[in-house]
N, C-alpha and C. Protein backbone atom coordinates (compact mmCIF):
# COMPACT_ATOMS: atom_id res chain seq x y z
N MET A 1 -36.61 24.61 -39.76
CA MET A 1 -36.13 25.97 -39.59
C MET A 1 -36.00 26.33 -38.11
N GLU A 2 -36.98 25.87 -37.32
CA GLU A 2 -36.94 26.17 -35.89
C GLU A 2 -35.75 25.50 -35.22
N ALA A 3 -35.40 24.31 -35.70
CA ALA A 3 -34.26 23.59 -35.13
C ALA A 3 -32.95 24.33 -35.42
N VAL A 4 -32.83 24.88 -36.61
CA VAL A 4 -31.62 25.62 -36.96
C VAL A 4 -31.49 26.87 -36.11
N VAL A 5 -32.59 27.58 -35.93
CA VAL A 5 -32.57 28.81 -35.13
C VAL A 5 -32.26 28.49 -33.67
N SER A 6 -32.87 27.44 -33.13
CA SER A 6 -32.63 27.11 -31.72
C SER A 6 -31.19 26.63 -31.50
N MET A 7 -30.65 25.85 -32.43
CA MET A 7 -29.26 25.41 -32.28
C MET A 7 -28.29 26.58 -32.45
N THR A 8 -28.64 27.55 -33.29
CA THR A 8 -27.81 28.73 -33.44
C THR A 8 -27.80 29.55 -32.16
N ILE A 9 -28.94 29.66 -31.51
CA ILE A 9 -29.01 30.39 -30.24
C ILE A 9 -28.15 29.70 -29.19
N LEU A 10 -28.21 28.39 -29.12
CA LEU A 10 -27.36 27.66 -28.18
C LEU A 10 -25.87 27.84 -28.49
N ALA A 11 -25.53 27.81 -29.77
CA ALA A 11 -24.13 27.99 -30.16
C ALA A 11 -23.63 29.39 -29.80
N VAL A 12 -24.46 30.40 -30.03
CA VAL A 12 -24.09 31.78 -29.69
C VAL A 12 -23.89 31.92 -28.18
N ALA A 13 -24.78 31.31 -27.41
CA ALA A 13 -24.64 31.36 -25.95
C ALA A 13 -23.36 30.68 -25.49
N MET A 14 -23.01 29.57 -26.12
CA MET A 14 -21.78 28.87 -25.75
C MET A 14 -20.55 29.67 -26.14
N ILE A 15 -20.57 30.30 -27.31
CA ILE A 15 -19.41 31.11 -27.76
C ILE A 15 -19.16 32.24 -26.77
N ILE A 16 -20.20 32.95 -26.39
CA ILE A 16 -20.04 34.09 -25.49
C ILE A 16 -19.64 33.64 -24.09
N SER A 17 -20.29 32.58 -23.58
CA SER A 17 -19.99 32.15 -22.21
C SER A 17 -18.60 31.55 -22.09
N VAL A 18 -18.17 30.75 -23.03
CA VAL A 18 -16.82 30.17 -22.97
C VAL A 18 -15.77 31.25 -23.16
N GLY A 19 -16.04 32.22 -24.01
CA GLY A 19 -15.11 33.34 -24.16
C GLY A 19 -14.97 34.16 -22.89
N ALA A 20 -16.09 34.42 -22.23
CA ALA A 20 -16.03 35.18 -20.99
C ALA A 20 -15.33 34.39 -19.89
N LEU A 21 -15.59 33.12 -19.81
CA LEU A 21 -14.95 32.28 -18.80
C LEU A 21 -13.44 32.19 -19.04
N GLY A 22 -13.05 32.01 -20.29
CA GLY A 22 -11.63 31.95 -20.61
C GLY A 22 -10.90 33.25 -20.32
N THR A 23 -11.55 34.36 -20.61
CA THR A 23 -10.94 35.65 -20.32
C THR A 23 -10.81 35.88 -18.82
N ALA A 24 -11.82 35.49 -18.07
CA ALA A 24 -11.76 35.65 -16.62
C ALA A 24 -10.64 34.82 -16.02
N ILE A 25 -10.50 33.59 -16.47
CA ILE A 25 -9.41 32.74 -15.97
C ILE A 25 -8.06 33.30 -16.39
N GLY A 26 -7.97 33.77 -17.62
CA GLY A 26 -6.71 34.36 -18.10
C GLY A 26 -6.30 35.59 -17.31
N PHE A 27 -7.27 36.47 -17.03
CA PHE A 27 -6.95 37.66 -16.24
C PHE A 27 -6.56 37.31 -14.81
N ALA A 28 -7.19 36.29 -14.24
CA ALA A 28 -6.84 35.88 -12.88
C ALA A 28 -5.42 35.35 -12.83
N LEU A 29 -5.05 34.51 -13.77
CA LEU A 29 -3.69 33.99 -13.82
C LEU A 29 -2.67 35.09 -14.09
N LEU A 30 -3.02 35.98 -15.00
CA LEU A 30 -2.12 37.08 -15.35
C LEU A 30 -1.88 38.00 -14.17
N GLY A 31 -2.95 38.37 -13.47
CA GLY A 31 -2.81 39.23 -12.30
C GLY A 31 -2.03 38.57 -11.19
N GLY A 32 -2.26 37.30 -10.96
CA GLY A 32 -1.53 36.58 -9.92
C GLY A 32 -0.05 36.49 -10.21
N LYS A 33 0.29 36.18 -11.45
CA LYS A 33 1.71 36.09 -11.82
C LYS A 33 2.39 37.46 -11.78
N PHE A 34 1.63 38.50 -12.14
CA PHE A 34 2.20 39.85 -12.06
C PHE A 34 2.51 40.21 -10.61
N LEU A 35 1.59 39.92 -9.72
CA LEU A 35 1.83 40.23 -8.31
C LEU A 35 2.97 39.41 -7.74
N GLU A 36 3.10 38.15 -8.15
CA GLU A 36 4.23 37.34 -7.70
C GLU A 36 5.55 37.93 -8.19
N GLY A 37 5.58 38.31 -9.45
CA GLY A 37 6.81 38.89 -10.00
C GLY A 37 7.15 40.23 -9.36
N ALA A 38 6.14 41.04 -9.08
CA ALA A 38 6.38 42.33 -8.45
C ALA A 38 6.85 42.17 -7.01
N ALA A 39 6.35 41.15 -6.32
CA ALA A 39 6.77 40.92 -4.94
C ALA A 39 8.20 40.39 -4.87
N ARG A 40 8.59 39.58 -5.85
CA ARG A 40 9.94 39.01 -5.84
C ARG A 40 11.00 40.02 -6.26
N ASN A 41 10.64 40.86 -7.22
CA ASN A 41 11.63 41.79 -7.75
C ASN A 41 10.94 43.14 -8.02
N PRO A 42 10.85 44.02 -7.04
CA PRO A 42 10.10 45.28 -7.21
C PRO A 42 10.70 46.23 -8.25
N GLU A 43 11.96 46.07 -8.57
CA GLU A 43 12.58 46.97 -9.54
C GLU A 43 12.05 46.75 -10.96
N THR A 44 11.52 45.59 -11.24
CA THR A 44 11.06 45.28 -12.60
C THR A 44 9.57 45.55 -12.79
N VAL A 45 8.92 46.22 -11.85
CA VAL A 45 7.47 46.45 -11.95
C VAL A 45 7.09 47.22 -13.22
N PRO A 46 7.78 48.30 -13.61
CA PRO A 46 7.36 49.00 -14.85
C PRO A 46 7.44 48.11 -16.09
N MET A 47 8.48 47.29 -16.20
CA MET A 47 8.60 46.40 -17.35
C MET A 47 7.51 45.33 -17.32
N LEU A 48 7.27 44.75 -16.15
CA LEU A 48 6.24 43.73 -16.03
C LEU A 48 4.85 44.30 -16.29
N GLN A 49 4.62 45.53 -15.84
CA GLN A 49 3.32 46.15 -16.03
C GLN A 49 3.03 46.39 -17.51
N THR A 50 4.04 46.82 -18.24
CA THR A 50 3.86 47.04 -19.68
C THR A 50 3.51 45.74 -20.38
N LYS A 51 4.24 44.69 -20.05
CA LYS A 51 3.96 43.39 -20.67
C LYS A 51 2.60 42.86 -20.26
N MET A 52 2.21 43.11 -19.01
CA MET A 52 0.90 42.66 -18.54
C MET A 52 -0.22 43.33 -19.32
N PHE A 53 -0.10 44.63 -19.59
CA PHE A 53 -1.15 45.31 -20.34
C PHE A 53 -1.21 44.87 -21.79
N ILE A 54 -0.08 44.51 -22.37
CA ILE A 54 -0.09 43.98 -23.74
C ILE A 54 -0.82 42.65 -23.79
N ILE A 55 -0.52 41.78 -22.85
CA ILE A 55 -1.19 40.48 -22.81
C ILE A 55 -2.68 40.65 -22.49
N ALA A 56 -3.02 41.61 -21.63
CA ALA A 56 -4.43 41.85 -21.32
C ALA A 56 -5.19 42.31 -22.57
N GLY A 57 -4.56 43.13 -23.38
CA GLY A 57 -5.18 43.55 -24.63
C GLY A 57 -5.40 42.40 -25.59
N LEU A 58 -4.44 41.49 -25.64
CA LEU A 58 -4.60 40.31 -26.51
C LEU A 58 -5.70 39.39 -25.99
N LEU A 59 -5.81 39.26 -24.68
CA LEU A 59 -6.89 38.46 -24.11
C LEU A 59 -8.25 39.04 -24.47
N ASP A 60 -8.39 40.35 -24.38
CA ASP A 60 -9.65 40.99 -24.74
C ASP A 60 -9.93 40.88 -26.24
N ALA A 61 -8.89 40.93 -27.05
CA ALA A 61 -9.09 40.84 -28.49
C ALA A 61 -9.67 39.49 -28.89
N VAL A 62 -9.20 38.43 -28.28
CA VAL A 62 -9.72 37.10 -28.60
C VAL A 62 -11.20 37.01 -28.23
N THR A 63 -11.56 37.56 -27.09
CA THR A 63 -12.96 37.54 -26.66
C THR A 63 -13.84 38.38 -27.60
N MET A 64 -13.33 39.52 -28.04
CA MET A 64 -14.12 40.37 -28.94
C MET A 64 -14.31 39.71 -30.30
N ILE A 65 -13.35 38.93 -30.74
CA ILE A 65 -13.53 38.17 -31.99
C ILE A 65 -14.67 37.17 -31.82
N GLY A 66 -14.73 36.52 -30.66
CA GLY A 66 -15.83 35.59 -30.39
C GLY A 66 -17.17 36.30 -30.33
N VAL A 67 -17.22 37.47 -29.75
CA VAL A 67 -18.47 38.24 -29.69
C VAL A 67 -18.89 38.66 -31.10
N GLY A 68 -17.94 39.07 -31.92
CA GLY A 68 -18.26 39.42 -33.30
C GLY A 68 -18.81 38.24 -34.08
N LEU A 69 -18.21 37.08 -33.88
CA LEU A 69 -18.71 35.87 -34.53
C LEU A 69 -20.11 35.51 -34.05
N ALA A 70 -20.35 35.67 -32.75
CA ALA A 70 -21.67 35.39 -32.21
C ALA A 70 -22.72 36.36 -32.76
N LEU A 71 -22.35 37.63 -32.89
CA LEU A 71 -23.29 38.60 -33.47
C LEU A 71 -23.57 38.29 -34.94
N PHE A 72 -22.56 37.81 -35.65
CA PHE A 72 -22.76 37.41 -37.05
C PHE A 72 -23.77 36.28 -37.13
N PHE A 73 -23.62 35.27 -36.28
CA PHE A 73 -24.56 34.16 -36.30
C PHE A 73 -25.95 34.57 -35.83
N THR A 74 -26.03 35.58 -34.98
CA THR A 74 -27.33 36.02 -34.48
C THR A 74 -28.11 36.79 -35.55
N PHE A 75 -27.46 37.73 -36.22
CA PHE A 75 -28.18 38.63 -37.11
C PHE A 75 -28.08 38.27 -38.60
N ALA A 76 -27.08 37.54 -39.00
CA ALA A 76 -26.94 37.15 -40.41
C ALA A 76 -26.63 35.67 -40.47
N ASN A 77 -27.57 34.86 -40.03
CA ASN A 77 -27.35 33.42 -39.91
C ASN A 77 -27.17 32.79 -41.29
N PRO A 78 -25.98 32.28 -41.59
CA PRO A 78 -25.77 31.67 -42.91
C PRO A 78 -26.43 30.31 -43.06
N PHE A 79 -26.84 29.69 -41.98
CA PHE A 79 -27.43 28.36 -42.05
C PHE A 79 -28.89 28.40 -42.51
N ILE A 80 -29.57 29.52 -42.26
CA ILE A 80 -30.97 29.65 -42.70
C ILE A 80 -31.03 29.78 -44.21
N ALA A 81 -30.04 30.44 -44.81
CA ALA A 81 -30.03 30.61 -46.26
C ALA A 81 -29.86 29.25 -46.97
N GLN A 82 -29.21 28.31 -46.34
CA GLN A 82 -29.00 27.01 -46.95
C GLN A 82 -30.26 26.14 -46.96
N LEU A 83 -31.24 26.49 -46.12
CA LEU A 83 -32.47 25.72 -46.07
C LEU A 83 -33.37 25.99 -47.27
N SER A 84 -33.27 27.19 -47.85
CA SER A 84 -34.16 27.55 -48.97
C SER A 84 -33.70 26.96 -50.26
């Protein structure tokens, strides 16, 4: 039982940390490309900004799904029920 709980804790930590790292890299790339596009063609900034915020919302949504999954494994661990 202790092994299942400890491996679940490690898995939850990996889910949250990889999600945060992926989101940080995604936002860095997104912001850099937005600034490049705005510098090359300033007239398209409103259109690029709208698309940037849509993509930023999708990036956050993927991370929040991972956080929800991690909370599920933390508080309602389905693997402990299989041991009984």
